[in-house]
Amino acid sequence: MPTIEETFDALKNRFIAEKAAGTDAVIQWEINGDGGGIWYAVIKDSTCNINPGPAPNPDLTLQLSVQDWLDMNAGKKTRQMLFMTGKLKLKGEMGLALKLGSLFPSPKG
């Protein structure tokens, strides 16, 4: 099973720069539970930098458990399913949340 850090390294590789044209945003993930942590991505000028720790003023914050994060990154669960079942909580720009799938496609397509 990958570590949370490994999943964020993989997330960088899934970033689709051409889908980020015109996007200037900070997205924060709060992964709760043993081995979790806080990470954030700065998306600007079709680039993405992901860093550990909290962002000063994120445009969007996603909160979910370690297991749900790992399952989502393994392609076992979708963002939509986790959100609809209350396991993924969002704060901030909902339009940006809807764009996540195109910016960071699922590893299983």
PDB file of N, CA and C in Angstrom:
ATOM      1  N   MET A   1       0.857  -1.183   0.000  1.00  0.00           N
ATOM      2  CA  MET A   1       0.000   0.000   0.000  1.00  0.00           C
ATOM      3  C   MET A   1       0.901   1.245   0.000  1.00  0.00           C
ATOM      4  N   PRO A   2       0.626   2.196  -0.894  1.00  0.00           N
ATOM      5  CA  PRO A   2       1.471   3.393  -0.950  1.00  0.00           C
ATOM      6  C   PRO A   2       1.262   4.285   0.270  1.00  0.00           C
ATOM      7  N   THR A   3       2.257   5.102   0.542  1.00  0.00           N
ATOM      8  CA  THR A   3       2.124   6.095   1.601  1.00  0.00           C
ATOM      9  C   THR A   3       1.365   7.298   1.040  1.00  0.00           C
ATOM     10  N   ILE A   4       0.909   8.153   1.935  1.00  0.00           N
ATOM     11  CA  ILE A   4       0.223   9.375   1.491  1.00  0.00           C
ATOM     12  C   ILE A   4       1.173  10.212   0.636  1.00  0.00           C
ATOM     13  N   GLU A   5       2.431  10.307   1.056  1.00  0.00           N
ATOM     14  CA  GLU A   5       3.415  11.074   0.283  1.00  0.00           C
ATOM     15  C   GLU A   5       3.559  10.512  -1.133  1.00  0.00           C
ATOM     16  N   GLU A   6       3.593   9.201  -1.267  1.00  0.00           N
ATOM     17  CA  GLU A   6       3.698   8.580  -2.588  1.00  0.00           C
ATOM     18  C   GLU A   6       2.479   8.886  -3.452  1.00  0.00           C
ATOM     19  N   THR A   7       1.304   8.954  -2.847  1.00  0.00           N
ATOM     20  CA  THR A   7       0.108   9.262  -3.641  1.00  0.00           C
ATOM     21  C   THR A   7       0.146  10.703  -4.141  1.00  0.00           C
ATOM     22  N   PHE A   8       0.703  11.608  -3.341  1.00  0.00           N
ATOM     23  CA  PHE A   8       0.803  12.990  -3.813  1.00  0.00           C
ATOM     24  C   PHE A   8       1.881  13.135  -4.878  1.00  0.00           C
ATOM     25  N   ASP A   9       2.955  12.357  -4.795  1.00  0.00           N
ATOM     26  CA  ASP A   9       3.948  12.338  -5.872  1.00  0.00           C
ATOM     27  C   ASP A   9       3.299  11.858  -7.167  1.00  0.00           C
ATOM     28  N   ALA A  10       2.481  10.814  -7.075  1.00  0.00           N
ATOM     29  CA  ALA A  10       1.779  10.287  -8.242  1.00  0.00           C
ATOM     30  C   ALA A  10       0.770  11.293  -8.779  1.00  0.00           C
ATOM     31  N   LEU A  11       0.136  12.051  -7.886  1.00  0.00           N
ATOM     32  CA  LEU A  11      -0.842  13.062  -8.294  1.00  0.00           C
ATOM     33  C   LEU A  11      -0.180  14.109  -9.182  1.00  0.00           C
ATOM     34  N   LYS A  12       1.046  14.502  -8.858  1.00  0.00           N
ATOM     35  CA  LYS A  12       1.789  15.457  -9.690  1.00  0.00           C
ATOM     36  C   LYS A  12       1.911  14.934 -11.120  1.00  0.00           C
ATOM     37  N   ASN A  13       2.162  13.634 -11.256  1.00  0.00           N
ATOM     38  CA  ASN A  13       2.349  13.029 -12.574  1.00  0.00           C
ATOM     39  C   ASN A  13       1.043  12.903 -13.356  1.00  0.00           C
ATOM     40  N   ARG A  14      -0.096  12.934 -12.672  1.00  0.00           N
ATOM     41  CA  ARG A  14      -1.396  12.839 -13.345  1.00  0.00           C
ATOM     42  C   ARG A  14      -1.934  14.203 -13.773  1.00  0.00           C
ATOM     43  N   PHE A  15      -1.288  15.282 -13.348  1.00  0.00           N
ATOM     44  CA  PHE A  15      -1.743  16.632 -13.668  1.00  0.00           C
ATOM     45  C   PHE A  15      -1.710  16.859 -15.181  1.00  0.00           C
ATOM     46  N   ILE A  16      -2.816  17.367 -15.735  1.00  0.00           N
ATOM     47  CA  ILE A  16      -2.934  17.658 -17.168  1.00  0.00           C
ATOM     48  C   ILE A  16      -2.846  19.178 -17.349  1.00  0.00           C
ATOM     49  N   ALA A  17      -1.672  19.643 -17.745  1.00  0.00           N
ATOM     50  CA  ALA A  17      -1.403  21.083 -17.829  1.00  0.00           C
ATOM     51  C   ALA A  17      -2.365  21.814 -18.766  1.00  0.00           C
ATOM     52  N   GLU A  18      -2.674  21.212 -19.925  1.00  0.00           N
ATOM     53  CA  GLU A  18      -3.539  21.910 -20.883  1.00  0.00           C
ATOM     54  C   GLU A  18      -4.962  22.107 -20.346  1.00  0.00           C
ATOM     55  N   LYS A  19      -5.386  21.279 -19.415  1.00  0.00           N
ATOM     56  CA  LYS A  19      -6.709  21.445 -18.800  1.00  0.00           C
ATOM     57  C   LYS A  19      -6.714  22.571 -17.767  1.00  0.00           C
ATOM     58  N   ALA A  20      -5.526  23.024 -17.368  1.00  0.00           N
ATOM     59  CA  ALA A  20      -5.417  24.047 -16.327  1.00  0.00           C
ATOM     60  C   ALA A  20      -5.271  25.458 -16.896  1.00  0.00           C
ATOM     61  N   ALA A  21      -5.347  25.602 -18.195  1.00  0.00           N
ATOM     62  CA  ALA A  21      -5.214  26.923 -18.800  1.00  0.00           C
ATOM     63  C   ALA A  21      -6.234  27.879 -18.179  1.00  0.00           C
ATOM     64  N   GLY A  22      -5.762  29.008 -17.701  1.00  0.00           N
ATOM     65  CA  GLY A  22      -6.634  30.006 -17.091  1.00  0.00           C
ATOM     66  C   GLY A  22      -6.985  29.742 -15.639  1.00  0.00           C
ATOM     67  N   THR A  23      -6.522  28.638 -15.083  1.00  0.00           N
ATOM     68  CA  THR A  23      -6.805  28.316 -13.682  1.00  0.00           C
ATOM     69  C   THR A  23      -5.699  28.861 -12.800  1.00  0.00           C
ATOM     70  N   ASP A  24      -6.099  29.617 -11.797  1.00  0.00           N
ATOM     71  CA  ASP A  24      -5.181  30.159 -10.798  1.00  0.00           C
ATOM     72  C   ASP A  24      -5.817  29.834  -9.451  1.00  0.00           C
ATOM     73  N   ALA A  25      -5.342  28.747  -8.822  1.00  0.00           N
ATOM     74  CA  ALA A  25      -6.039  28.256  -7.636  1.00  0.00           C
ATOM     75  C   ALA A  25      -5.090  27.531  -6.690  1.00  0.00           C
ATOM     76  N   VAL A  26      -5.523  27.478  -5.430  1.00  0.00           N
ATOM     77  CA  VAL A  26      -4.826  26.690  -4.414  1.00  0.00           C
ATOM     78  C   VAL A  26      -5.832  25.675  -3.875  1.00  0.00           C
ATOM     79  N   ILE A  27      -5.456  24.401  -3.973  1.00  0.00           N
ATOM     80  CA  ILE A  27      -6.309  23.304  -3.510  1.00  0.00           C
ATOM     81  C   ILE A  27      -5.605  22.631  -2.341  1.00  0.00           C
ATOM     82  N   GLN A  28      -6.334  22.445  -1.256  1.00  0.00           N
ATOM     83  CA  GLN A  28      -5.765  21.805  -0.070  1.00  0.00           C
ATOM     84  C   GLN A  28      -6.495  20.504   0.221  1.00  0.00           C
ATOM     85  N   TRP A  29      -5.722  19.469   0.551  1.00  0.00           N
ATOM     86  CA  TRP A  29      -6.273  18.176   0.950  1.00  0.00           C
ATOM     87  C   TRP A  29      -5.942  17.938   2.415  1.00  0.00           C
ATOM     88  N   GLU A  30      -6.954  17.634   3.212  1.00  0.00           N
ATOM     89  CA  GLU A  30      -6.764  17.280   4.619  1.00  0.00           C
ATOM     90  C   GLU A  30      -7.101  15.804   4.743  1.00  0.00           C
ATOM     91  N   ILE A  31      -6.059  14.986   4.872  1.00  0.00           N
ATOM     92  CA  ILE A  31      -6.206  13.534   4.921  1.00  0.00           C
ATOM     93  C   ILE A  31      -6.155  13.129   6.387  1.00  0.00           C
ATOM     94  N   ASN A  32      -7.291  12.683   6.914  1.00  0.00           N
ATOM     95  CA  ASN A  32      -7.438  12.432   8.347  1.00  0.00           C
ATOM     96  C   ASN A  32      -7.210  10.971   8.703  1.00  0.00           C
ATOM     97  N   GLY A  33      -6.490  10.761   9.814  1.00  0.00           N
ATOM     98  CA  GLY A  33      -6.245   9.411  10.309  1.00  0.00           C
ATOM     99  C   GLY A  33      -4.763   9.121  10.395  1.00  0.00           C
ATOM    100  N   ASP A  34      -4.459   7.923  10.826  1.00  0.00           N
ATOM    101  CA  ASP A  34      -3.081   7.498  11.013  1.00  0.00           C
ATOM    102  C   ASP A  34      -2.329   7.523   9.683  1.00  0.00           C
ATOM    103  N   GLY A  35      -1.244   8.268   9.621  1.00  0.00           N
ATOM    104  CA  GLY A  35      -0.454   8.381   8.399  1.00  0.00           C
ATOM    105  C   GLY A  35      -0.922   9.479   7.469  1.00  0.00           C
ATOM    106  N   GLY A  36      -1.947  10.208   7.861  1.00  0.00           N
ATOM    107  CA  GLY A  36      -2.484  11.278   7.017  1.00  0.00           C
ATOM    108  C   GLY A  36      -1.668  12.546   7.109  1.00  0.00           C
ATOM    109  N   GLY A  37      -2.271  13.636   6.720  1.00  0.00           N
ATOM    110  CA  GLY A  37      -1.592  14.925   6.764  1.00  0.00           C
ATOM    111  C   GLY A  37      -2.314  15.926   5.892  1.00  0.00           C
ATOM    112  N   ILE A  38      -1.711  17.072   5.772  1.00  0.00           N
ATOM    113  CA  ILE A  38      -2.268  18.153   4.957  1.00  0.00           C
ATOM    114  C   ILE A  38      -1.290  18.431   3.823  1.00  0.00           C
ATOM    115  N   TRP A  39      -1.827  18.540   2.625  1.00  0.00           N
ATOM    116  CA  TRP A  39      -1.053  18.833   1.425  1.00  0.00           C
ATOM    117  C   TRP A  39      -1.804  19.893   0.631  1.00  0.00           C
ATOM    118  N   TYR A  40      -1.089  20.637  -0.205  1.00  0.00           N
ATOM    119  CA  TYR A  40      -1.776  21.603  -1.055  1.00  0.00           C
ATOM    120  C   TYR A  40      -1.089  21.708  -2.411  1.00  0.00           C
ATOM    121  N   ALA A  41      -1.890  22.085  -3.398  1.00  0.00           N
ATOM    122  CA  ALA A  41      -1.404  22.286  -4.760  1.00  0.00           C
ATOM    123  C   ALA A  41      -1.637  23.731  -5.146  1.00  0.00           C
ATOM    124  N   VAL A  42      -0.639  24.320  -5.764  1.00  0.00           N
ATOM    125  CA  VAL A  42      -0.766  25.651  -6.346  1.00  0.00           C
ATOM    126  C   VAL A  42      -0.784  25.465  -7.855  1.00  0.00           C
ATOM    127  N   ILE A  43      -1.901  25.845  -8.462  1.00  0.00           N
ATOM    128  CA  ILE A  43      -2.064  25.720  -9.905  1.00  0.00           C
ATOM    129  C   ILE A  43      -2.091  27.128 -10.488  1.00  0.00           C
ATOM    130  N   LYS A  44      -1.116  27.398 -11.360  1.00  0.00           N
ATOM    131  CA  LYS A  44      -1.010  28.729 -11.957  1.00  0.00           C
ATOM    132  C   LYS A  44      -0.217  28.609 -13.257  1.00  0.00           C
ATOM    133  N   ASP A  45      -0.672  29.313 -14.283  1.00  0.00           N
ATOM    134  CA  ASP A  45       0.008  29.312 -15.589  1.00  0.00           C
ATOM    135  C   ASP A  45       0.221  27.890 -16.106  1.00  0.00           C
ATOM    136  N   SER A  46      -0.785  27.046 -15.962  1.00  0.00           N
ATOM    137  CA  SER A  46      -0.761  25.652 -16.425  1.00  0.00           C
ATOM    138  C   SER A  46       0.348  24.817 -15.779  1.00  0.00           C
ATOM    139  N   THR A  47       0.759  25.198 -14.573  1.00  0.00           N
ATOM    140  CA  THR A  47       1.722  24.408 -13.810  1.00  0.00           C
ATOM    141  C   THR A  47       1.077  24.006 -12.491  1.00  0.00           C
ATOM    142  N   CYS A  48       1.636  22.981 -11.868  1.00  0.00           N
ATOM    143  CA  CYS A  48       1.121  22.514 -10.591  1.00  0.00           C
ATOM    144  C   CYS A  48       2.289  22.158  -9.681  1.00  0.00           C
ATOM    145  N   ASN A  49       2.309  22.768  -8.522  1.00  0.00           N
ATOM    146  CA  ASN A  49       3.291  22.440  -7.498  1.00  0.00           C
ATOM    147  C   ASN A  49       2.536  21.936  -6.276  1.00  0.00           C
ATOM    148  N   ILE A  50       2.904  20.749  -5.805  1.00  0.00           N
ATOM    149  CA  ILE A  50       2.243  20.147  -4.647  1.00  0.00           C
ATOM    150  C   ILE A  50       3.235  20.111  -3.499  1.00  0.00           C
ATOM    151  N   ASN A  51       2.768  20.571  -2.323  1.00  0.00           N
ATOM    152  CA  ASN A  51       3.627  20.689  -1.154  1.00  0.00           C
ATOM    153  C   ASN A  51       2.931  20.151   0.093  1.00  0.00           C
ATOM    154  N   PRO A  52       3.711  19.636   1.045  1.00  0.00           N
ATOM    155  CA  PRO A  52       3.122  19.247   2.330  1.00  0.00           C
ATOM    156  C   PRO A  52       2.833  20.485   3.172  1.00  0.00           C
ATOM    157  N   GLY A  53       1.860  20.341   4.070  1.00  0.00           N
ATOM    158  CA  GLY A  53       1.529  21.433   4.990  1.00  0.00           C
ATOM    159  C   GLY A  53       0.300  22.185   4.539  1.00  0.00           C
ATOM    160  N   PRO A  54      -0.190  23.058   5.406  1.00  0.00           N
ATOM    161  CA  PRO A  54      -1.389  23.833   5.071  1.00  0.00           C
ATOM    162  C   PRO A  54      -1.068  25.025   4.175  1.00  0.00           C
ATOM    163  N   ALA A  55      -2.021  25.372   3.326  1.00  0.00           N
ATOM    164  CA  ALA A  55      -1.918  26.555   2.475  1.00  0.00           C
ATOM    165  C   ALA A  55      -2.470  27.755   3.247  1.00  0.00           C
ATOM    166  N   PRO A  56      -1.922  28.953   3.031  1.00  0.00           N
ATOM    167  CA  PRO A  56      -2.423  30.123   3.753  1.00  0.00           C
ATOM    168  C   PRO A  56      -3.901  30.431   3.479  1.00  0.00           C
ATOM    169  N   ASN A  57      -4.306  30.419   2.209  1.00  0.00           N
ATOM    170  CA  ASN A  57      -5.687  30.740   1.837  1.00  0.00           C
ATOM    171  C   ASN A  57      -6.147  29.859   0.689  1.00  0.00           C
ATOM    172  N   PRO A  58      -6.474  28.589   0.967  1.00  0.00           N
ATOM    173  CA  PRO A  58      -6.883  27.718  -0.141  1.00  0.00           C
ATOM    174  C   PRO A  58      -8.221  28.144  -0.741  1.00  0.00           C
ATOM    175  N   ASP A  59      -8.329  27.982  -2.066  1.00  0.00           N
ATOM    176  CA  ASP A  59      -9.589  28.256  -2.751  1.00  0.00           C
ATOM    177  C   ASP A  59     -10.571  27.106  -2.564  1.00  0.00           C
ATOM    178  N   LEU A  60     -10.016  25.905  -2.353  1.00  0.00           N
ATOM    179  CA  LEU A  60     -10.825  24.710  -2.166  1.00  0.00           C
ATOM    180  C   LEU A  60     -10.109  23.801  -1.181  1.00  0.00           C
ATOM    181  N   THR A  61     -10.850  23.268  -0.214  1.00  0.00           N
ATOM    182  CA  THR A  61     -10.297  22.299   0.741  1.00  0.00           C
ATOM    183  C   THR A  61     -11.130  21.034   0.664  1.00  0.00           C
ATOM    184  N   LEU A  62     -10.440  19.900   0.557  1.00  0.00           N
ATOM    185  CA  LEU A  62     -11.074  18.591   0.531  1.00  0.00           C
ATOM    186  C   LEU A  62     -10.654  17.848   1.791  1.00  0.00           C
ATOM    187  N   GLN A  63     -11.613  17.257   2.473  1.00  0.00           N
ATOM    188  CA  GLN A  63     -11.340  16.501   3.697  1.00  0.00           C
ATOM    189  C   GLN A  63     -11.859  15.082   3.527  1.00  0.00           C
ATOM    190  N   LEU A  64     -10.974  14.100   3.807  1.00  0.00           N
ATOM    191  CA  LEU A  64     -11.385  12.711   3.760  1.00  0.00           C
ATOM    192  C   LEU A  64     -10.396  11.866   4.549  1.00  0.00           C
ATOM    193  N   SER A  65     -10.764  10.606   4.779  1.00  0.00           N
ATOM    194  CA  SER A  65      -9.925   9.720   5.582  1.00  0.00           C
ATOM    195  C   SER A  65      -8.759   9.178   4.761  1.00  0.00           C
ATOM    196  N   VAL A  66      -7.752   8.684   5.470  1.00  0.00           N
ATOM    197  CA  VAL A  66      -6.603   8.067   4.814  1.00  0.00           C
ATOM    198  C   VAL A  66      -7.063   6.940   3.894  1.00  0.00           C
ATOM    199  N   GLN A  67      -7.906   6.050   4.406  1.00  0.00           N
ATOM    200  CA  GLN A  67      -8.333   4.895   3.597  1.00  0.00           C
ATOM    201  C   GLN A  67      -9.105   5.322   2.366  1.00  0.00           C
ATOM    202  N   ASP A  68     -10.009   6.307   2.513  1.00  0.00           N
ATOM    203  CA  ASP A  68     -10.765   6.771   1.350  1.00  0.00           C
ATOM    204  C   ASP A  68      -9.845   7.435   0.329  1.00  0.00           C
ATOM    205  N   TRP A  69      -8.840   8.191   0.794  1.00  0.00           N
ATOM    206  CA  TRP A  69      -7.862   8.814  -0.108  1.00  0.00           C
ATOM    207  C   TRP A  69      -7.099   7.742  -0.880  1.00  0.00           C
ATOM    208  N   LEU A  70      -6.621   6.719  -0.167  1.00  0.00           N
ATOM    209  CA  LEU A  70      -5.871   5.644  -0.815  1.00  0.00           C
ATOM    210  C   LEU A  70      -6.751   4.881  -1.810  1.00  0.00           C
ATOM    211  N   ASP A  71      -8.005   4.615  -1.420  1.00  0.00           N
ATOM    212  CA  ASP A  71      -8.928   3.915  -2.319  1.00  0.00           C
ATOM    213  C   ASP A  71      -9.224   4.748  -3.568  1.00  0.00           C
ATOM    214  N   MET A  72      -9.390   6.045  -3.395  1.00  0.00           N
ATOM    215  CA  MET A  72      -9.666   6.924  -4.519  1.00  0.00           C
ATOM    216  C   MET A  72      -8.464   6.946  -5.469  1.00  0.00           C
ATOM    217  N   ASN A  73      -7.263   7.011  -4.927  1.00  0.00           N
ATOM    218  CA  ASN A  73      -6.074   7.060  -5.766  1.00  0.00           C
ATOM    219  C   ASN A  73      -5.729   5.721  -6.404  1.00  0.00           C
ATOM    220  N   ALA A  74      -6.272   4.649  -5.868  1.00  0.00           N
ATOM    221  CA  ALA A  74      -6.088   3.326  -6.468  1.00  0.00           C
ATOM    222  C   ALA A  74      -7.175   3.034  -7.499  1.00  0.00           C
ATOM    223  N   GLY A  75      -8.122   3.968  -7.644  1.00  0.00           N
ATOM    224  CA  GLY A  75      -9.211   3.769  -8.588  1.00  0.00           C
ATOM    225  C   GLY A  75     -10.334   2.889  -8.058  1.00  0.00           C
ATOM    226  N   LYS A  76     -10.331   2.600  -6.751  1.00  0.00           N
ATOM    227  CA  LYS A  76     -11.369   1.752  -6.152  1.00  0.00           C
ATOM    228  C   LYS A  76     -12.635   2.534  -5.823  1.00  0.00           C
ATOM    229  N   LYS A  77     -12.492   3.831  -5.578  1.00  0.00           N
ATOM    230  CA  LYS A  77     -13.628   4.706  -5.271  1.00  0.00           C
ATOM    231  C   LYS A  77     -13.477   5.989  -6.081  1.00  0.00           C
ATOM    232  N   THR A  78     -14.601   6.623  -6.383  1.00  0.00           N
ATOM    233  CA  THR A  78     -14.564   7.883  -7.135  1.00  0.00           C
ATOM    234  C   THR A  78     -14.810   9.060  -6.189  1.00  0.00           C
ATOM    235  N   ARG A  79     -14.356  10.227  -6.633  1.00  0.00           N
ATOM    236  CA  ARG A  79     -14.626  11.456  -5.865  1.00  0.00           C
ATOM    237  C   ARG A  79     -16.121  11.644  -5.691  1.00  0.00           C
ATOM    238  N   GLN A  80     -16.865  11.391  -6.774  1.00  0.00           N
ATOM    239  CA  GLN A  80     -18.314  11.593  -6.744  1.00  0.00           C
ATOM    240  C   GLN A  80     -18.969  10.677  -5.710  1.00  0.00           C
ATOM    241  N   MET A  81     -18.567   9.400  -5.685  1.00  0.00           N
ATOM    242  CA  MET A  81     -19.147   8.456  -4.736  1.00  0.00           C
ATOM    243  C   MET A  81     -18.823   8.876  -3.300  1.00  0.00           C
ATOM    244  N   LEU A  82     -17.581   9.258  -3.068  1.00  0.00           N
ATOM    245  CA  LEU A  82     -17.185   9.671  -1.724  1.00  0.00           C
ATOM    246  C   LEU A  82     -17.942  10.920  -1.286  1.00  0.00           C
ATOM    247  N   PHE A  83     -18.141  11.860  -2.209  1.00  0.00           N
ATOM    248  CA  PHE A  83     -18.872  13.084  -1.878  1.00  0.00           C
ATOM    249  C   PHE A  83     -20.338  12.775  -1.584  1.00  0.00           C
ATOM    250  N   MET A  84     -20.956  11.959  -2.434  1.00  0.00           N
ATOM    251  CA  MET A  84     -22.382  11.652  -2.276  1.00  0.00           C
ATOM    252  C   MET A  84     -22.666  10.861  -0.997  1.00  0.00           C
ATOM    253  N   THR A  85     -21.683  10.106  -0.515  1.00  0.00           N
ATOM    254  CA  THR A  85     -21.873   9.330   0.710  1.00  0.00           C
ATOM    255  C   THR A  85     -21.369  10.076   1.948  1.00  0.00           C
ATOM    256  N   GLY A  86     -20.945  11.334   1.777  1.00  0.00           N
ATOM    257  CA  GLY A  86     -20.520  12.152   2.904  1.00  0.00           C
ATOM    258  C   GLY A  86     -19.116  11.864   3.410  1.00  0.00           C
ATOM    259  N   LYS A  87     -18.364  11.048   2.674  1.00  0.00           N
ATOM    260  CA  LYS A  87     -17.009  10.719   3.110  1.00  0.00           C
ATOM    261  C   LYS A  87     -15.973  11.710   2.612  1.00  0.00           C
ATOM    262  N   LEU A  88     -16.345  12.508   1.617  1.00  0.00           N
ATOM    263  CA  LEU A  88     -15.503  13.579   1.104  1.00  0.00           C
ATOM    264  C   LEU A  88     -16.236  14.884   1.359  1.00  0.00           C
ATOM    265  N   LYS A  89     -15.598  15.755   2.122  1.00  0.00           N
ATOM    266  CA  LYS A  89     -16.193  17.056   2.436  1.00  0.00           C
ATOM    267  C   LYS A  89     -15.420  18.128   1.688  1.00  0.00           C
ATOM    268  N   LEU A  90     -16.157  19.094   1.154  1.00  0.00           N
ATOM    269  CA  LEU A  90     -15.565  20.177   0.377  1.00  0.00           C
ATOM    270  C   LEU A  90     -15.891  21.517   1.016  1.00  0.00           C
ATOM    271  N   LYS A  91     -14.891  22.414   1.006  1.00  0.00           N
ATOM    272  CA  LYS A  91     -15.110  23.791   1.444  1.00  0.00           C
ATOM    273  C   LYS A  91     -14.478  24.699   0.406  1.00  0.00           C
ATOM    274  N   GLY A  92     -15.242  25.667  -0.063  1.00  0.00           N
ATOM    275  CA  GLY A  92     -14.670  26.620  -1.009  1.00  0.00           C
ATOM    276  C   GLY A  92     -15.364  26.583  -2.349  1.00  0.00           C
ATOM    277  N   GLU A  93     -14.590  26.820  -3.400  1.00  0.00           N
ATOM    278  CA  GLU A  93     -15.116  26.966  -4.749  1.00  0.00           C
ATOM    279  C   GLU A  93     -15.582  25.632  -5.334  1.00  0.00           C
ATOM    280  N   MET A  94     -16.883  25.461  -5.441  1.00  0.00           N
ATOM    281  CA  MET A  94     -17.435  24.212  -5.948  1.00  0.00           C
ATOM    282  C   MET A  94     -17.119  24.015  -7.432  1.00  0.00           C
ATOM    283  N   GLY A  95     -17.029  25.099  -8.193  1.00  0.00           N
ATOM    284  CA  GLY A  95     -16.662  24.986  -9.606  1.00  0.00           C
ATOM    285  C   GLY A  95     -15.273  24.383  -9.771  1.00  0.00           C
ATOM    286  N   LEU A  96     -14.379  24.749  -8.887  1.00  0.00           N
ATOM    287  CA  LEU A  96     -13.032  24.187  -8.901  1.00  0.00           C
ATOM    288  C   LEU A  96     -13.070  22.702  -8.549  1.00  0.00           C
ATOM    289  N   ALA A  97     -13.934  22.337  -7.612  1.00  0.00           N
ATOM    290  CA  ALA A  97     -14.080  20.928  -7.231  1.00  0.00           C
ATOM    291  C   ALA A  97     -14.542  20.103  -8.435  1.00  0.00           C
ATOM    292  N   LEU A  98     -15.446  20.662  -9.231  1.00  0.00           N
ATOM    293  CA  LEU A  98     -15.939  19.951 -10.408  1.00  0.00           C
ATOM    294  C   LEU A  98     -14.854  19.790 -11.467  1.00  0.00           C
ATOM    295  N   LYS A  99     -13.885  20.679 -11.465  1.00  0.00           N
ATOM    296  CA  LYS A  99     -12.804  20.652 -12.443  1.00  0.00           C
ATOM    297  C   LYS A  99     -11.688  19.670 -12.067  1.00  0.00           C
ATOM    298  N   LEU A 100     -11.682  19.182 -10.830  1.00  0.00           N
ATOM    299  CA  LEU A 100     -10.603  18.296 -10.369  1.00  0.00           C
ATOM    300  C   LEU A 100     -10.415  17.071 -11.246  1.00  0.00           C
ATOM    301  N   GLY A 101     -11.507  16.487 -11.699  1.00  0.00           N
ATOM    302  CA  GLY A 101     -11.419  15.281 -12.526  1.00  0.00           C
ATOM    303  C   GLY A 101     -10.676  15.496 -13.822  1.00  0.00           C
ATOM    304  N   SER A 102     -10.787  16.691 -14.391  1.00  0.00           N
ATOM    305  CA  SER A 102     -10.056  16.957 -15.635  1.00  0.00           C
ATOM    306  C   SER A 102      -8.601  17.370 -15.359  1.00  0.00           C
ATOM    307  N   LEU A 103      -8.369  18.023 -14.216  1.00  0.00           N
ATOM    308  CA  LEU A 103      -7.006  18.425 -13.870  1.00  0.00           C
ATOM    309  C   LEU A 103      -6.155  17.227 -13.420  1.00  0.00           C
ATOM    310  N   PHE A 104      -6.775  16.348 -12.638  1.00  0.00           N
ATOM    311  CA  PHE A 104      -6.095  15.169 -12.087  1.00  0.00           C
ATOM    312  C   PHE A 104      -6.957  13.933 -12.385  1.00  0.00           C
ATOM    313  N   PRO A 105      -6.862  13.379 -13.601  1.00  0.00           N
ATOM    314  CA  PRO A 105      -7.706  12.230 -13.928  1.00  0.00           C
ATOM    315  C   PRO A 105      -7.428  11.033 -13.015  1.00  0.00           C
ATOM    316  N   SER A 106      -8.444  10.227 -12.858  1.00  0.00           N
ATOM    317  CA  SER A 106      -8.332   9.013 -12.056  1.00  0.00           C
ATOM    318  C   SER A 106      -7.269   8.096 -12.665  1.00  0.00           C
ATOM    319  N   PRO A 107      -6.541   7.369 -11.837  1.00  0.00           N
ATOM    320  CA  PRO A 107      -5.513   6.467 -12.371  1.00  0.00           C
ATOM    321  C   PRO A 107      -6.108   5.328 -13.194  1.00  0.00           C
ATOM    322  N   LYS A 108      -7.377   5.064 -13.033  1.00  0.00           N
ATOM    323  CA  LYS A 108      -8.031   3.979 -13.787  1.00  0.00           C
ATOM    324  C   LYS A 108      -8.823   4.517 -14.973  1.00  0.00           C
ATOM    325  N   GLY A 109      -8.585   5.791 -15.329  1.00  0.00           N
ATOM    326  CA  GLY A 109      -9.297   6.367 -16.483  1.00  0.00           C
ATOM    327  C   GLY A 109     -10.362   7.201 -16.001  1.00  0.00           C
TER     328      GLY A 109
END
